[in-house]
């Protein structure tokens, strides 16, 4: 009986892990391309172009999975909420990415698993024991170390608000993943990806109507504000390929992440998200000669260690619950 269970679940878990790894590679390329383009284009133009192209690829995948009928949903409000959370998470993260070293922003974003653990208590009714709660506290100490509260903003070279943006992004991403768990049982991965792309397109068009002429960025010296609100411009000839790559990556990320969390429990696949951190360090070093400083390495290590402990602890608890259920089933 146990062997049958393992045979039926292992391929599913392996597939989920493969989708997660593909998503993380695509995300690292996505971050690198957006940082590369952030000096010339406004964020909402990049997001619009990426999502408009991405939704075309997602529609193709939707046709392979079963057609437009898969877009029907019994939870439209939850999908809208999920889309808004994705938009907020992406916008706050990318605004920070324009002025922060890539590895620093990614490391702060990895507070997301810690938020998922905390929010699972009120949202999913899960119980978090002292060991996992202690790991969460250690992880947030790592976030504080990376924020370096003992230094002034002038010494950091970045405003405190900008340094908090990846943490805000992590919080909204955690809420997104909890909603994905609720919706994954009834919605296909391609449909959830299309809902997200459509939300990005609508929000970006809203930015175009309100701030597309760049008037809100005039006179500002804040690079994050300029990146967010500068005027739309026609892409240069050499930038069409990066923008097309962003669109393809957007479809890959949205589909692979949704598929990974649909196929496999979070405790199994979430640790593989941490492959994004060495990839971010690589791109930061390779393209911008940025390497994390000692406080960033220290905070990064605490965040990763606590996040992995939380995941493996959850997996261990799940195994104990499964064994207990099996014993009860015998009597």
Protein backbone atom coordinates (compact mmCIF):
# COMPACT_ATOMS: atom_id res chain seq x y z
CA UNK A 1 0.00 0.00 0.00
CA UNK A 2 2.81 2.41 0.86
CA UNK A 3 4.71 1.51 -2.34
CA UNK A 4 1.65 2.24 -4.48
CA UNK A 5 1.24 5.63 -2.82
CA UNK A 6 4.87 6.55 -3.47
CA UNK A 7 4.66 5.49 -7.10
CA UNK A 8 1.63 7.67 -7.70
CA UNK A 9 2.93 10.73 -5.92
CA UNK A 10 6.67 10.72 -6.81
CA UNK A 11 6.26 11.45 -10.55
CA UNK A 12 3.81 14.22 -9.67
CA UNK A 13 6.29 15.72 -7.19
CA UNK A 14 9.15 15.45 -9.70
CA UNK A 15 7.06 17.23 -12.30
CA UNK A 16 6.20 19.99 -9.83
CA UNK A 17 9.89 20.43 -8.97
CA UNK A 18 10.77 20.61 -12.68
CA UNK A 19 8.17 23.34 -13.21
CA UNK A 20 9.53 25.24 -10.21
CA UNK A 21 13.12 25.08 -11.48
CA UNK A 22 12.02 26.28 -14.93
CA UNK A 23 10.09 29.13 -13.31
CA UNK A 24 13.09 30.25 -11.24
CA UNK A 25 15.42 30.32 -14.24
CA UNK A 26 12.82 32.35 -16.16
CA UNK A 27 12.35 34.71 -13.19
CA UNK A 28 16.10 35.35 -12.94
CA UNK A 29 16.21 36.21 -16.66
CA UNK A 30 13.11 38.38 -16.22
CA UNK A 31 14.72 40.34 -13.35
CA UNK A 32 17.93 40.80 -15.30
CA UNK A 33 16.11 42.09 -18.40
CA UNK A 34 13.93 44.52 -16.44
CA UNK A 35 16.93 45.93 -14.58
CA UNK A 36 18.70 46.25 -17.94
CA UNK A 37 15.76 48.19 -19.46
CA UNK A 38 14.99 50.28 -16.36
CA UNK A 39 17.26 53.14 -17.43
CA UNK A 40 15.32 53.89 -20.62
CA UNK A 41 11.67 52.89 -20.17
CA UNK A 42 8.99 53.38 -17.49
CA UNK A 43 8.05 50.33 -15.48
CA UNK A 44 4.42 50.34 -16.60
CA UNK A 45 5.47 50.35 -20.28
CA UNK A 46 7.79 47.40 -19.71
CA UNK A 47 5.06 45.56 -17.79
CA UNK A 48 2.46 46.32 -20.48
CA UNK A 49 4.70 45.10 -23.31
CA UNK A 50 5.75 42.02 -21.35
CA UNK A 51 2.18 41.10 -20.43
CA UNK A 52 0.66 41.85 -23.85
CA UNK A 53 3.20 39.49 -25.44
CA UNK A 54 2.95 37.02 -22.58
CA UNK A 55 -0.82 36.72 -22.80
CA UNK A 56 -0.47 35.60 -26.43
CA UNK A 57 1.85 32.75 -25.41
CA UNK A 58 -0.48 31.90 -22.51
CA UNK A 59 -3.46 31.71 -24.91
CA UNK A 60 -1.53 29.19 -27.00
CA UNK A 61 -0.90 27.05 -23.94
CA UNK A 62 -4.59 27.40 -22.97
CA UNK A 63 -5.66 25.95 -26.33
CA UNK A 64 -3.38 22.95 -25.76
CA UNK A 65 -4.80 22.39 -22.25
CA UNK A 66 -8.46 22.51 -23.30
CA UNK A 67 -9.52 25.80 -24.89
CA UNK A 68 -11.33 28.96 -23.77
CA UNK A 69 -13.80 27.01 -21.63
CA UNK A 70 -11.03 26.77 -19.01
CA UNK A 71 -11.32 30.51 -18.43
CA UNK A 72 -14.68 30.02 -16.75
CA UNK A 73 -14.37 30.24 -12.99
CA UNK A 74 -16.61 30.02 -9.97
CA UNK A 75 -14.30 32.41 -8.07
CA UNK A 76 -13.93 35.59 -10.17
CA UNK A 77 -13.44 37.84 -7.13
CA UNK A 78 -10.58 35.69 -5.82
CA UNK A 79 -8.93 35.74 -9.25
CA UNK A 80 -9.17 39.54 -9.38
CA UNK A 81 -7.71 39.76 -5.88
CA UNK A 82 -4.93 37.37 -6.86
CA UNK A 83 -4.19 39.48 -9.94
CA UNK A 84 -4.01 42.67 -7.88
CA UNK A 85 -1.63 41.02 -5.42
CA UNK A 86 0.63 39.98 -8.29
CA UNK A 87 0.62 43.53 -9.65
CA UNK A 88 1.50 45.06 -6.27
CA UNK A 89 4.18 42.42 -5.63
CA UNK A 90 5.79 42.96 -9.03
CA UNK A 91 5.57 46.76 -9.01
CA UNK A 92 7.12 47.16 -5.55
CA UNK A 93 9.85 44.66 -6.33
CA UNK A 94 10.81 46.11 -9.71
CA UNK A 95 10.78 49.71 -8.48
CA UNK A 96 13.34 48.64 -5.88
CA UNK A 97 15.27 46.58 -8.43
CA UNK A 98 15.92 49.70 -10.54
CA UNK A 99 18.20 51.15 -7.83
CA UNK A 100 19.21 48.16 -5.68
CA UNK A 101 21.79 45.47 -6.46
CA UNK A 102 19.97 42.48 -7.93
CA UNK A 103 21.11 40.00 -5.25
CA UNK A 104 20.09 42.35 -2.40
CA UNK A 105 16.56 42.77 -3.75
CA UNK A 106 16.14 39.03 -4.38
CA UNK A 107 17.45 38.13 -0.90
CA UNK A 108 14.99 40.50 0.81
CA UNK A 109 12.19 39.09 -1.33
CA UNK A 110 12.93 35.63 0.06
CA UNK A 111 11.24 36.70 3.27
CA UNK A 112 8.12 35.47 1.42
CA UNK A 113 8.26 31.89 2.84
CA UNK A 114 8.41 33.37 6.34
CA UNK A 115 5.30 35.44 5.62
CA UNK A 116 3.58 32.35 4.19
CA UNK A 117 4.21 30.50 7.46
CA UNK A 118 2.86 33.39 9.56
CA UNK A 119 -0.18 34.07 7.35
CA UNK A 120 -1.11 30.38 7.17
CA UNK A 121 -2.18 30.69 10.82
CA UNK A 122 -5.07 33.16 10.32
CA UNK A 123 -5.84 32.35 6.66
CA UNK A 124 -5.54 28.55 6.53
CA UNK A 125 -5.98 27.83 10.24
CA UNK A 126 -2.64 26.02 10.43
CA UNK A 127 -0.74 25.57 13.68
CA UNK A 128 2.87 26.74 13.83
CA UNK A 129 4.97 25.19 16.58
CA UNK A 130 7.79 26.83 18.54
CA UNK A 131 10.55 25.48 16.27
CA UNK A 132 9.05 26.90 13.09
CA UNK A 133 8.13 30.16 14.83
CA UNK A 134 11.71 30.43 16.09
CA UNK A 135 12.98 29.91 12.53
CA UNK A 136 10.65 32.66 11.30
CA UNK A 137 12.02 35.05 13.94
CA UNK A 138 15.61 34.19 12.89
CA UNK A 139 14.68 34.86 9.27
CA UNK A 140 13.27 38.29 10.08
CA UNK A 141 16.45 39.06 12.05
CA UNK A 142 18.23 38.39 8.75
CA UNK A 143 15.92 40.91 7.05
CA UNK A 144 16.78 43.50 9.73
CA UNK A 145 20.52 42.86 9.27
CA UNK A 146 20.17 43.45 5.54
CA UNK A 147 18.27 46.68 6.26
CA UNK A 148 21.19 47.86 8.46
CA UNK A 149 19.16 50.17 10.74
CA UNK A 150 22.36 51.39 12.41
CA UNK A 151 23.41 53.15 9.17
CA UNK A 152 21.96 56.33 7.71
CA UNK A 153 20.28 56.45 4.29
CA UNK A 154 23.17 58.51 2.95
CA UNK A 155 25.63 55.78 3.96
CA UNK A 156 23.43 53.11 2.39
CA UNK A 157 22.99 55.09 -0.81
CA UNK A 158 19.35 53.95 -0.92
CA UNK A 159 16.32 55.30 0.94
CA UNK A 160 14.81 53.22 3.73
CA UNK A 161 11.49 53.16 1.88
CA UNK A 162 13.06 51.64 -1.23
CA UNK A 163 14.80 48.98 0.89
CA UNK A 164 11.41 48.01 2.35
CA UNK A 165 9.81 47.55 -1.07
CA UNK A 166 11.14 43.99 -1.64
CA UNK A 167 9.77 43.06 1.80
CA UNK A 168 6.36 44.48 0.86
CA UNK A 169 6.64 42.51 -2.37
CA UNK A 170 7.37 39.35 -0.36
CA UNK A 171 4.28 39.94 1.80
CA UNK A 172 1.93 40.32 -1.18
CA UNK A 173 3.56 37.33 -2.90
CA UNK A 174 2.87 35.22 0.21
CA UNK A 175 -0.80 36.21 0.09
CA UNK A 176 -0.80 35.33 -3.62
CA UNK A 177 0.52 31.82 -3.00
CA UNK A 178 -2.05 31.16 -0.29
CA UNK A 179 -4.77 32.14 -2.76
CA UNK A 180 -3.17 29.92 -5.42
CA UNK A 181 -3.57 26.93 -3.10
CA UNK A 182 -7.27 27.70 -2.78
CA UNK A 183 -7.82 28.19 -6.52
CA UNK A 184 -5.46 25.54 -7.89
CA UNK A 185 -7.89 22.69 -7.45
CA UNK A 186 -10.48 24.22 -9.82
CA UNK A 187 -8.45 26.41 -12.25
CA UNK A 188 -5.86 25.39 -14.85
CA UNK A 189 -2.35 26.85 -14.74
CA UNK A 190 -2.76 28.55 -18.13
CA UNK A 191 -6.06 30.14 -17.08
CA UNK A 192 -4.54 31.53 -13.87
CA UNK A 193 -1.60 32.86 -15.91
CA UNK A 194 -3.97 34.62 -18.33
CA UNK A 195 -5.93 36.23 -15.48
CA UNK A 196 -2.65 37.64 -14.12
CA UNK A 197 -1.45 38.87 -17.52
CA UNK A 198 -4.80 40.56 -18.13
CA UNK A 199 -4.57 42.34 -14.78
CA UNK A 200 -1.08 43.60 -15.64
CA UNK A 201 -2.33 44.92 -18.99
CA UNK A 202 -5.28 46.75 -17.38
CA UNK A 203 -3.16 48.32 -14.62
CA UNK A 204 -0.45 49.34 -17.10
CA UNK A 205 -3.02 50.98 -19.37
CA UNK A 206 -4.30 52.85 -16.31
CA UNK A 207 -0.78 54.16 -15.71
CA UNK A 208 -0.57 55.14 -19.39
CA UNK A 209 -3.78 57.18 -19.21
CA UNK A 210 -2.87 58.89 -15.93
CA UNK A 211 0.91 59.23 -16.10
CA UNK A 212 1.97 58.12 -19.59
CA UNK A 213 3.20 61.58 -20.57
CA UNK A 214 5.73 61.59 -17.72
CA UNK A 215 4.48 64.75 -16.02
CA UNK A 216 4.58 63.17 -12.56
CA UNK A 217 8.29 62.33 -12.95
CA UNK A 218 9.33 65.83 -14.02
CA UNK A 219 11.78 67.44 -11.61
CA UNK A 220 12.24 64.26 -9.55
CA UNK A 221 15.74 63.02 -8.76
CA UNK A 222 14.51 59.76 -7.19
CA UNK A 223 15.45 57.01 -9.63
CA UNK A 224 12.65 54.72 -8.41
CA UNK A 225 10.02 57.43 -9.00
CA UNK A 226 11.49 58.19 -12.43
CA UNK A 227 11.43 54.49 -13.35
CA UNK A 228 7.82 54.21 -12.25
CA UNK A 229 6.44 57.40 -13.80
CA UNK A 230 8.64 58.49 -16.72
CA UNK A 231 7.00 59.01 -20.13
CA UNK A 232 6.38 56.15 -22.55
CA UNK A 233 8.81 56.03 -25.48
CA UNK A 234 8.92 53.98 -28.66
CA UNK A 235 11.38 51.09 -28.13
CA UNK A 236 14.75 51.30 -29.83
CA UNK A 237 15.58 48.74 -32.48
CA UNK A 238 17.92 46.84 -30.18
CA UNK A 239 15.36 46.63 -27.36
CA UNK A 240 12.66 44.66 -29.18
CA UNK A 241 14.38 41.33 -28.54
CA UNK A 242 14.69 41.90 -24.76
CA UNK A 243 11.03 42.98 -24.65
CA UNK A 244 9.99 39.89 -26.62
CA UNK A 245 12.06 37.78 -24.23
CA UNK A 246 10.25 39.40 -21.30
CA UNK A 247 6.91 38.47 -22.81
CA UNK A 248 7.93 34.85 -23.32
CA UNK A 249 9.40 34.73 -19.82
CA UNK A 250 6.21 36.18 -18.38
CA UNK A 251 4.17 33.36 -19.87
CA UNK A 252 6.68 30.75 -18.68
CA UNK A 253 6.81 32.16 -15.14
CA UNK A 254 3.04 32.47 -14.74
CA UNK A 255 2.37 28.98 -16.11
CA UNK A 256 5.22 27.15 -14.39
CA UNK A 257 4.63 28.66 -10.94
CA UNK A 258 0.90 27.96 -11.06
CA UNK A 259 1.50 24.43 -12.34
CA UNK A 260 4.16 23.73 -9.71
CA UNK A 261 1.91 24.73 -6.81
CA UNK A 262 -1.05 22.87 -8.33
CA UNK A 263 0.83 19.59 -8.78
CA UNK A 264 2.83 19.43 -5.56
CA UNK A 265 2.50 20.59 -1.97
CA UNK A 266 4.35 23.78 -1.10
CA UNK A 267 6.61 22.08 1.48
CA UNK A 268 8.07 19.90 -1.30
CA UNK A 269 8.70 22.43 -4.05
CA UNK A 270 9.12 25.79 -2.30
CA UNK A 271 12.75 25.14 -1.20
CA UNK A 272 13.68 24.99 -4.89
CA UNK A 273 12.77 28.66 -5.20
CA UNK A 274 16.07 29.41 -3.48
CA UNK A 275 17.93 28.60 -6.69
CA UNK A 276 16.90 32.13 -7.67
CA UNK A 277 19.37 33.60 -5.20
CA UNK A 278 22.64 32.24 -6.69
CA UNK A 279 21.25 33.10 -10.13
CA UNK A 280 20.68 36.69 -8.98
CA UNK A 281 24.21 36.88 -7.55
CA UNK A 282 25.54 35.60 -10.88
CA UNK A 283 23.64 38.11 -13.03
CA UNK A 284 24.53 40.98 -10.68
CA UNK A 285 28.22 40.07 -10.85
CA UNK A 286 28.28 39.22 -14.57
CA UNK A 287 26.45 42.31 -15.86
CA UNK A 288 26.93 45.01 -13.22
CA UNK A 289 29.97 43.82 -11.21
CA UNK A 290 27.81 43.83 -8.05
CA UNK A 291 28.62 41.40 -5.26
CA UNK A 292 26.82 41.35 -1.88
CA UNK A 293 28.57 42.96 1.07
CA UNK A 294 29.22 41.17 4.39
CA UNK A 295 25.95 42.29 6.04
CA UNK A 296 23.98 41.21 2.97
CA UNK A 297 25.69 37.80 3.00
CA UNK A 298 24.93 37.44 6.73
CA UNK A 299 21.28 38.43 6.40
CA UNK A 300 20.92 36.33 3.28
CA UNK A 301 22.28 33.27 5.09
CA UNK A 302 19.82 33.68 7.99
CA UNK A 303 16.86 34.14 5.63
CA UNK A 304 17.78 31.08 3.56
CA UNK A 305 18.53 28.89 6.59
CA UNK A 306 15.28 29.80 8.34
CA UNK A 307 13.21 29.42 5.19
CA UNK A 308 14.63 25.99 4.44
CA UNK A 309 14.14 24.91 8.06
CA UNK A 310 10.49 25.96 7.91
CA UNK A 311 9.93 24.03 4.67
CA UNK A 312 11.63 20.84 5.81
CA UNK A 313 9.90 21.04 9.20
CA UNK A 314 6.53 21.31 7.44
CA UNK A 315 7.42 18.33 5.27
CA UNK A 316 8.44 16.32 8.34
CA UNK A 317 5.16 17.15 10.06
CA UNK A 318 3.21 16.15 6.96
CA UNK A 319 4.91 12.76 6.97
CA UNK A 320 4.04 12.22 10.64
CA UNK A 321 0.40 13.10 9.95
CA UNK A 322 0.34 10.69 7.00
CA UNK A 323 1.80 7.86 9.11
CA UNK A 324 -0.74 8.52 11.86
CA UNK A 325 -3.59 8.41 9.34
CA UNK A 326 -2.25 5.14 7.92
CA UNK A 327 -2.10 3.56 11.40
CA UNK A 328 -5.68 4.66 12.12
CA UNK A 329 -6.76 3.21 8.79
CA UNK A 330 -5.53 -0.23 9.82
CA UNK A 331 -7.74 -0.41 12.90
